[in-house]
């Protein structure tokens, strides 16, 4: 008798891993991979290491191997390995050969070594009042800081938003990026897509901002909440 191939295939297939569940029935999510307390290798402050990391990053961006780069630059595999690992200091001639092969200016290799990391400090009550679409409906947007071009490739806009007794429910918003809300004062029913979320002080909401969103019902005024919007740097403006 012929075997049932469909059953045989199912029997041989590996079962999909099921999410772990805690004793109270809640799903246990995988831990985040980034360590927020990690400190970059102090060797990055060394010029050779900074150059090596840029060379490797540009090479990987092009999707080529060290061997490919060796052929394109006529630099030995051993030397390229030393350069990418920050073990040796490449000559100007070598940097010129690398820049031509990778399609970047020589100065690009010094970017990480020379670039300053910005910080913005805003004292209480000194945020910048800005006008956005919601201000017509009684919103007060207070921008708490802004850094434009940066190494992360992401733009973050932190706002303190205040709604007073004169506020109105306004049309929903929809824009690129992600958004995080944290309630400080008052109560609101917030809409995201087809879902409604009653929010009180201490509650938060994190969502894809490309779906229609905004306050649906202003339950208790005055109301204050933090709104942190982030989106790719190349889409800014």
C-alpha atoms as a PDB file:
ATOM      1  CA  UNK A   1       0.000   0.000   0.000  1.00  0.00           C
ATOM      2  CA  UNK A   2       1.365   3.409  -0.909  1.00  0.00           C
ATOM      3  CA  UNK A   3       2.174   5.754   1.938  1.00  0.00           C
ATOM      4  CA  UNK A   4       0.250   8.965   2.308  1.00  0.00           C
ATOM      5  CA  UNK A   5       2.855  11.492   1.131  1.00  0.00           C
ATOM      6  CA  UNK A   6       1.097  14.427   2.781  1.00  0.00           C
ATOM      7  CA  UNK A   7       1.186  12.711   6.163  1.00  0.00           C
ATOM      8  CA  UNK A   8       4.775  11.671   5.599  1.00  0.00           C
ATOM      9  CA  UNK A   9       5.707  15.255   4.823  1.00  0.00           C
ATOM     10  CA  UNK A  10       3.980  16.524   7.949  1.00  0.00           C
ATOM     11  CA  UNK A  11       5.648  13.858  10.064  1.00  0.00           C
ATOM     12  CA  UNK A  12       9.070  14.855   8.780  1.00  0.00           C
ATOM     13  CA  UNK A  13       8.503  18.590   9.162  1.00  0.00           C
ATOM     14  CA  UNK A  14       9.903  20.327  12.219  1.00  0.00           C
ATOM     15  CA  UNK A  15       7.224  21.882  14.429  1.00  0.00           C
ATOM     16  CA  UNK A  16       7.260  25.665  14.643  1.00  0.00           C
ATOM     17  CA  UNK A  17       8.605  26.960  17.960  1.00  0.00           C
ATOM     18  CA  UNK A  18       5.792  28.124  20.222  1.00  0.00           C
ATOM     19  CA  UNK A  19       6.092  31.339  22.242  1.00  0.00           C
ATOM     20  CA  UNK A  20       6.949  30.847  25.894  1.00  0.00           C
ATOM     21  CA  UNK A  21       4.133  31.503  28.338  1.00  0.00           C
ATOM     22  CA  UNK A  22       4.519  32.450  31.992  1.00  0.00           C
ATOM     23  CA  UNK A  23       2.558  30.929  34.880  1.00  0.00           C
ATOM     24  CA  UNK A  24      -0.048  33.691  34.694  1.00  0.00           C
ATOM     25  CA  UNK A  25      -0.682  32.958  31.004  1.00  0.00           C
ATOM     26  CA  UNK A  26       1.169  35.970  29.588  1.00  0.00           C
ATOM     27  CA  UNK A  27       3.502  35.595  26.623  1.00  0.00           C
ATOM     28  CA  UNK A  28       7.180  35.947  27.503  1.00  0.00           C
ATOM     29  CA  UNK A  29       8.803  38.082  24.831  1.00  0.00           C
ATOM     30  CA  UNK A  30      12.401  37.646  23.727  1.00  0.00           C
ATOM     31  CA  UNK A  31      14.812  40.077  25.438  1.00  0.00           C
ATOM     32  CA  UNK A  32      16.114  43.074  23.489  1.00  0.00           C
ATOM     33  CA  UNK A  33      19.524  42.454  21.960  1.00  0.00           C
ATOM     34  CA  UNK A  34      20.985  45.911  22.537  1.00  0.00           C
ATOM     35  CA  UNK A  35      22.644  46.573  25.877  1.00  0.00           C
ATOM     36  CA  UNK A  36      21.860  50.222  26.795  1.00  0.00           C
ATOM     37  CA  UNK A  37      24.669  50.177  29.388  1.00  0.00           C
ATOM     38  CA  UNK A  38      27.357  48.984  26.980  1.00  0.00           C
ATOM     39  CA  UNK A  39      30.273  51.300  26.297  1.00  0.00           C
ATOM     40  CA  UNK A  40      31.928  51.434  22.910  1.00  0.00           C
ATOM     41  CA  UNK A  41      35.423  50.071  22.655  1.00  0.00           C
ATOM     42  CA  UNK A  42      37.775  52.898  23.632  1.00  0.00           C
ATOM     43  CA  UNK A  43      39.938  51.792  20.694  1.00  0.00           C
ATOM     44  CA  UNK A  44      37.409  53.566  18.470  1.00  0.00           C
ATOM     45  CA  UNK A  45      39.089  56.777  19.583  1.00  0.00           C
ATOM     46  CA  UNK A  46      42.227  55.511  17.829  1.00  0.00           C
ATOM     47  CA  UNK A  47      42.411  56.785  14.259  1.00  0.00           C
ATOM     48  CA  UNK A  48      43.382  53.401  12.761  1.00  0.00           C
ATOM     49  CA  UNK A  49      40.368  51.697  14.366  1.00  0.00           C
ATOM     50  CA  UNK A  50      37.987  54.424  13.198  1.00  0.00           C
ATOM     51  CA  UNK A  51      39.296  54.158   9.622  1.00  0.00           C
ATOM     52  CA  UNK A  52      39.086  50.356   9.676  1.00  0.00           C
ATOM     53  CA  UNK A  53      35.457  50.370  10.793  1.00  0.00           C
ATOM     54  CA  UNK A  54      34.511  52.797   8.045  1.00  0.00           C
ATOM     55  CA  UNK A  55      36.275  50.713   5.390  1.00  0.00           C
ATOM     56  CA  UNK A  56      34.449  47.584   6.551  1.00  0.00           C
ATOM     57  CA  UNK A  57      31.091  49.414   6.695  1.00  0.00           C
ATOM     58  CA  UNK A  58      31.449  50.802   3.150  1.00  0.00           C
ATOM     59  CA  UNK A  59      32.544  47.400   1.840  1.00  0.00           C
ATOM     60  CA  UNK A  60      29.576  45.621   3.394  1.00  0.00           C
ATOM     61  CA  UNK A  61      27.248  48.312   2.099  1.00  0.00           C
ATOM     62  CA  UNK A  62      28.394  47.440  -1.424  1.00  0.00           C
ATOM     63  CA  UNK A  63      27.940  43.747  -0.676  1.00  0.00           C
ATOM     64  CA  UNK A  64      31.482  42.788  -1.660  1.00  0.00           C
ATOM     65  CA  UNK A  65      33.985  40.518   0.092  1.00  0.00           C
ATOM     66  CA  UNK A  66      37.478  41.362   1.296  1.00  0.00           C
ATOM     67  CA  UNK A  67      38.772  39.321  -1.638  1.00  0.00           C
ATOM     68  CA  UNK A  68      36.736  41.439  -4.077  1.00  0.00           C
ATOM     69  CA  UNK A  69      38.126  44.614  -2.537  1.00  0.00           C
ATOM     70  CA  UNK A  70      41.654  43.210  -2.695  1.00  0.00           C
ATOM     71  CA  UNK A  71      41.300  42.647  -6.455  1.00  0.00           C
ATOM     72  CA  UNK A  72      39.805  46.119  -7.008  1.00  0.00           C
ATOM     73  CA  UNK A  73      42.530  47.923  -5.048  1.00  0.00           C
ATOM     74  CA  UNK A  74      45.530  45.648  -5.662  1.00  0.00           C
ATOM     75  CA  UNK A  75      45.994  45.471  -1.891  1.00  0.00           C
ATOM     76  CA  UNK A  76      46.757  42.098  -0.316  1.00  0.00           C
ATOM     77  CA  UNK A  77      44.129  40.239   1.722  1.00  0.00           C
ATOM     78  CA  UNK A  78      46.402  40.343   4.756  1.00  0.00           C
ATOM     79  CA  UNK A  79      46.834  44.098   4.557  1.00  0.00           C
ATOM     80  CA  UNK A  80      43.107  44.704   4.100  1.00  0.00           C
ATOM     81  CA  UNK A  81      42.382  42.516   7.118  1.00  0.00           C
ATOM     82  CA  UNK A  82      44.823  44.558   9.198  1.00  0.00           C
ATOM     83  CA  UNK A  83      43.265  47.811   7.988  1.00  0.00           C
ATOM     84  CA  UNK A  84      39.688  46.728   8.772  1.00  0.00           C
ATOM     85  CA  UNK A  85      40.720  45.528  12.231  1.00  0.00           C
ATOM     86  CA  UNK A  86      42.583  48.745  13.025  1.00  0.00           C
ATOM     87  CA  UNK A  87      45.925  47.007  13.409  1.00  0.00           C
ATOM     88  CA  UNK A  88      47.830  49.103  10.889  1.00  0.00           C
ATOM     89  CA  UNK A  89      47.785  52.686   9.690  1.00  0.00           C
ATOM     90  CA  UNK A  90      47.110  52.832   5.930  1.00  0.00           C
ATOM     91  CA  UNK A  91      49.141  55.214   3.800  1.00  0.00           C
ATOM     92  CA  UNK A  92      47.519  58.034   1.841  1.00  0.00           C
ATOM     93  CA  UNK A  93      48.072  56.048  -1.375  1.00  0.00           C
ATOM     94  CA  UNK A  94      46.222  53.069   0.139  1.00  0.00           C
ATOM     95  CA  UNK A  95      43.364  55.302   1.303  1.00  0.00           C
ATOM     96  CA  UNK A  96      43.061  56.768  -2.198  1.00  0.00           C
ATOM     97  CA  UNK A  97      42.870  53.268  -3.700  1.00  0.00           C
ATOM     98  CA  UNK A  98      40.182  52.300  -1.169  1.00  0.00           C
ATOM     99  CA  UNK A  99      38.181  55.464  -1.806  1.00  0.00           C
ATOM    100  CA  UNK A 100      38.135  54.826  -5.570  1.00  0.00           C
ATOM    101  CA  UNK A 101      37.107  51.185  -5.145  1.00  0.00           C
ATOM    102  CA  UNK A 102      34.396  51.968  -2.571  1.00  0.00           C
ATOM    103  CA  UNK A 103      33.127  55.095  -4.326  1.00  0.00           C
ATOM    104  CA  UNK A 104      33.566  57.452  -1.365  1.00  0.00           C
ATOM    105  CA  UNK A 105      35.845  60.430  -0.711  1.00  0.00           C
ATOM    106  CA  UNK A 106      38.981  59.860   1.366  1.00  0.00           C
ATOM    107  CA  UNK A 107      37.530  62.107   4.087  1.00  0.00           C
ATOM    108  CA  UNK A 108      34.677  59.610   4.595  1.00  0.00           C
ATOM    109  CA  UNK A 109      37.100  57.245   6.345  1.00  0.00           C
ATOM    110  CA  UNK A 110      37.691  59.847   9.089  1.00  0.00           C
ATOM    111  CA  UNK A 111      33.996  60.537   9.760  1.00  0.00           C
ATOM    112  CA  UNK A 112      33.594  58.423  12.911  1.00  0.00           C
ATOM    113  CA  UNK A 113      36.878  59.688  14.374  1.00  0.00           C
ATOM    114  CA  UNK A 114      36.100  63.385  13.894  1.00  0.00           C
ATOM    115  CA  UNK A 115      32.321  63.571  14.211  1.00  0.00           C
ATOM    116  CA  UNK A 116      30.905  65.162  17.343  1.00  0.00           C
ATOM    117  CA  UNK A 117      27.950  63.569  19.165  1.00  0.00           C
ATOM    118  CA  UNK A 118      25.342  66.225  19.919  1.00  0.00           C
ATOM    119  CA  UNK A 119      23.207  66.691  23.013  1.00  0.00           C
ATOM    120  CA  UNK A 120      20.371  69.137  23.706  1.00  0.00           C
ATOM    121  CA  UNK A 121      19.529  70.312  27.247  1.00  0.00           C
ATOM    122  CA  UNK A 122      16.214  72.108  27.810  1.00  0.00           C
ATOM    123  CA  UNK A 123      15.385  73.610  31.197  1.00  0.00           C
ATOM    124  CA  UNK A 124      11.847  73.342  32.564  1.00  0.00           C
ATOM    125  CA  UNK A 125       9.463  75.676  30.753  1.00  0.00           C
ATOM    126  CA  UNK A 126      11.991  76.583  28.050  1.00  0.00           C
ATOM    127  CA  UNK A 127      10.890  74.225  25.271  1.00  0.00           C
ATOM    128  CA  UNK A 128      10.104  75.700  21.873  1.00  0.00           C
ATOM    129  CA  UNK A 129       6.425  76.288  21.126  1.00  0.00           C
ATOM    130  CA  UNK A 130       5.733  75.127  17.584  1.00  0.00           C
ATOM    131  CA  UNK A 131       2.656  75.085  15.417  1.00  0.00           C
ATOM    132  CA  UNK A 132       1.439  71.828  13.955  1.00  0.00           C
ATOM    133  CA  UNK A 133      -1.880  70.787  12.513  1.00  0.00           C
ATOM    134  CA  UNK A 134      -3.304  70.081  15.978  1.00  0.00           C
ATOM    135  CA  UNK A 135      -2.680  73.615  17.240  1.00  0.00           C
ATOM    136  CA  UNK A 136      -5.776  74.773  15.373  1.00  0.00           C
ATOM    137  CA  UNK A 137      -7.807  72.579  17.658  1.00  0.00           C
ATOM    138  CA  UNK A 138      -6.363  73.970  20.883  1.00  0.00           C
ATOM    139  CA  UNK A 139      -3.202  71.872  21.102  1.00  0.00           C
ATOM    140  CA  UNK A 140      -0.041  73.391  22.491  1.00  0.00           C
ATOM    141  CA  UNK A 141       3.059  71.639  21.118  1.00  0.00           C
ATOM    142  CA  UNK A 142       6.211  72.217  23.153  1.00  0.00           C
ATOM    143  CA  UNK A 143       9.304  70.803  21.395  1.00  0.00           C
ATOM    144  CA  UNK A 144      11.702  69.552  24.081  1.00  0.00           C
ATOM    145  CA  UNK A 145      14.749  69.073  21.850  1.00  0.00           C
ATOM    146  CA  UNK A 146      15.850  68.331  18.321  1.00  0.00           C
ATOM    147  CA  UNK A 147      19.005  66.938  16.707  1.00  0.00           C
ATOM    148  CA  UNK A 148      19.072  66.965  12.917  1.00  0.00           C
ATOM    149  CA  UNK A 149      21.778  65.037  11.083  1.00  0.00           C
ATOM    150  CA  UNK A 150      23.220  62.320  13.337  1.00  0.00           C
ATOM    151  CA  UNK A 151      25.021  58.973  13.233  1.00  0.00           C
ATOM    152  CA  UNK A 152      21.925  56.891  14.063  1.00  0.00           C
ATOM    153  CA  UNK A 153      20.072  57.724  10.838  1.00  0.00           C
ATOM    154  CA  UNK A 154      16.916  58.424  12.849  1.00  0.00           C
ATOM    155  CA  UNK A 155      15.236  61.754  13.676  1.00  0.00           C
ATOM    156  CA  UNK A 156      13.473  61.968  17.042  1.00  0.00           C
ATOM    157  CA  UNK A 157      11.019  64.750  17.979  1.00  0.00           C
ATOM    158  CA  UNK A 158       9.988  64.824  21.666  1.00  0.00           C
ATOM    159  CA  UNK A 159       6.925  66.964  22.400  1.00  0.00           C
ATOM    160  CA  UNK A 160       5.072  67.957  25.552  1.00  0.00           C
ATOM    161  CA  UNK A 161       1.466  68.360  24.390  1.00  0.00           C
ATOM    162  CA  UNK A 162      -1.106  70.263  26.434  1.00  0.00           C
ATOM    163  CA  UNK A 163      -4.872  70.363  25.875  1.00  0.00           C
ATOM    164  CA  UNK A 164      -6.882  72.947  27.810  1.00  0.00           C
ATOM    165  CA  UNK A 165     -10.597  73.383  28.443  1.00  0.00           C
ATOM    166  CA  UNK A 166     -10.800  75.210  25.105  1.00  0.00           C
ATOM    167  CA  UNK A 167      -9.535  72.199  23.161  1.00  0.00           C
ATOM    168  CA  UNK A 168     -11.552  70.330  20.575  1.00  0.00           C
ATOM    169  CA  UNK A 169     -11.247  66.784  19.282  1.00  0.00           C
ATOM    170  CA  UNK A 170      -9.377  67.174  15.995  1.00  0.00           C
ATOM    171  CA  UNK A 171      -9.055  65.090  12.805  1.00  0.00           C
ATOM    172  CA  UNK A 172      -6.825  62.034  13.037  1.00  0.00           C
ATOM    173  CA  UNK A 173      -3.159  62.231  12.148  1.00  0.00           C
ATOM    174  CA  UNK A 174      -1.159  59.951   9.870  1.00  0.00           C
ATOM    175  CA  UNK A 175       2.562  60.233   9.144  1.00  0.00           C
ATOM    176  CA  UNK A 176       5.719  58.201   8.642  1.00  0.00           C
ATOM    177  CA  UNK A 177       7.601  56.629  11.527  1.00  0.00           C
ATOM    178  CA  UNK A 178       6.819  55.431  15.033  1.00  0.00           C
ATOM    179  CA  UNK A 179       5.247  57.329  17.938  1.00  0.00           C
ATOM    180  CA  UNK A 180       5.243  56.889  21.708  1.00  0.00           C
ATOM    181  CA  UNK A 181       2.745  58.550  24.057  1.00  0.00           C
ATOM    182  CA  UNK A 182       2.994  58.841  27.837  1.00  0.00           C
ATOM    183  CA  UNK A 183       0.143  60.352  29.834  1.00  0.00           C
ATOM    184  CA  UNK A 184       1.095  62.872  32.524  1.00  0.00           C
ATOM    185  CA  UNK A 185      -2.210  64.516  33.426  1.00  0.00           C
ATOM    186  CA  UNK A 186      -5.896  64.194  32.502  1.00  0.00           C
ATOM    187  CA  UNK A 187      -7.621  61.355  30.673  1.00  0.00           C
ATOM    188  CA  UNK A 188      -8.273  60.599  27.008  1.00  0.00           C
ATOM    189  CA  UNK A 189      -9.573  57.870  24.752  1.00  0.00           C
ATOM    190  CA  UNK A 190      -6.943  57.607  22.026  1.00  0.00           C
ATOM    191  CA  UNK A 191      -7.586  56.047  18.642  1.00  0.00           C
ATOM    192  CA  UNK A 192      -5.064  54.086  16.606  1.00  0.00           C
ATOM    193  CA  UNK A 193      -6.505  52.603  13.447  1.00  0.00           C
ATOM    194  CA  UNK A 194      -9.753  50.883  14.474  1.00  0.00           C
ATOM    195  CA  UNK A 195      -8.702  50.453  18.131  1.00  0.00           C
ATOM    196  CA  UNK A 196      -9.540  52.714  21.070  1.00  0.00           C
ATOM    197  CA  UNK A 197      -7.325  53.043  24.153  1.00  0.00           C
ATOM    198  CA  UNK A 198      -8.554  54.759  27.361  1.00  0.00           C
ATOM    199  CA  UNK A 199      -5.466  56.431  28.817  1.00  0.00           C
ATOM    200  CA  UNK A 200      -4.828  57.809  32.310  1.00  0.00           C
ATOM    201  CA  UNK A 201      -1.678  59.239  33.941  1.00  0.00           C
ATOM    202  CA  UNK A 202       1.103  56.638  33.810  1.00  0.00           C
ATOM    203  CA  UNK A 203      -0.352  54.860  30.762  1.00  0.00           C
ATOM    204  CA  UNK A 204       1.647  54.681  27.533  1.00  0.00           C
ATOM    205  CA  UNK A 205       0.986  53.816  23.901  1.00  0.00           C
ATOM    206  CA  UNK A 206       3.587  52.902  21.276  1.00  0.00           C
ATOM    207  CA  UNK A 207       2.483  52.547  17.665  1.00  0.00           C
ATOM    208  CA  UNK A 208       3.169  52.701  13.939  1.00  0.00           C
ATOM    209  CA  UNK A 209       2.274  56.285  13.052  1.00  0.00           C
ATOM    210  CA  UNK A 210       1.382  55.378   9.464  1.00  0.00           C
ATOM    211  CA  UNK A 211      -2.058  54.303  10.739  1.00  0.00           C
ATOM    212  CA  UNK A 212      -4.652  57.051  11.430  1.00  0.00           C
ATOM    213  CA  UNK A 213      -4.400  58.122  15.070  1.00  0.00           C
ATOM    214  CA  UNK A 214      -5.392  60.855  17.493  1.00  0.00           C
ATOM    215  CA  UNK A 215      -7.589  61.663  20.509  1.00  0.00           C
ATOM    216  CA  UNK A 216     -11.101  60.273  20.128  1.00  0.00           C
ATOM    217  CA  UNK A 217     -12.611  61.531  23.385  1.00  0.00           C
ATOM    218  CA  UNK A 218     -11.208  64.081  25.824  1.00  0.00           C
ATOM    219  CA  UNK A 219     -12.366  62.544  29.082  1.00  0.00           C
ATOM    220  CA  UNK A 220     -10.703  64.763  31.677  1.00  0.00           C
ATOM    221  CA  UNK A 221      -9.115  68.170  31.106  1.00  0.00           C
ATOM    222  CA  UNK A 222      -6.653  69.814  31.336  1.00  0.00           C
ATOM    223  CA  UNK A 223      -4.525  67.094  29.778  1.00  0.00           C
ATOM    224  CA  UNK A 224      -0.765  66.740  29.265  1.00  0.00           C
ATOM    225  CA  UNK A 225       1.177  63.959  27.623  1.00  0.00           C
ATOM    226  CA  UNK A 226       4.559  63.284  26.059  1.00  0.00           C
ATOM    227  CA  UNK A 227       4.595  62.481  22.356  1.00  0.00           C
ATOM    228  CA  UNK A 228       7.882  61.152  20.959  1.00  0.00           C
ATOM    229  CA  UNK A 229       7.955  60.770  17.179  1.00  0.00           C
ATOM    230  CA  UNK A 230      10.808  59.089  15.311  1.00  0.00           C
ATOM    231  CA  UNK A 231      11.330  58.557  11.591  1.00  0.00           C
ATOM    232  CA  UNK A 232      14.175  57.855   9.135  1.00  0.00           C
ATOM    233  CA  UNK A 233      16.575  60.752   8.719  1.00  0.00           C
ATOM    234  CA  UNK A 234      16.364  60.657   4.920  1.00  0.00           C
ATOM    235  CA  UNK A 235      12.622  61.391   5.081  1.00  0.00           C
ATOM    236  CA  UNK A 236      12.968  64.473   7.292  1.00  0.00           C
ATOM    237  CA  UNK A 237      11.185  67.546   6.009  1.00  0.00           C
END
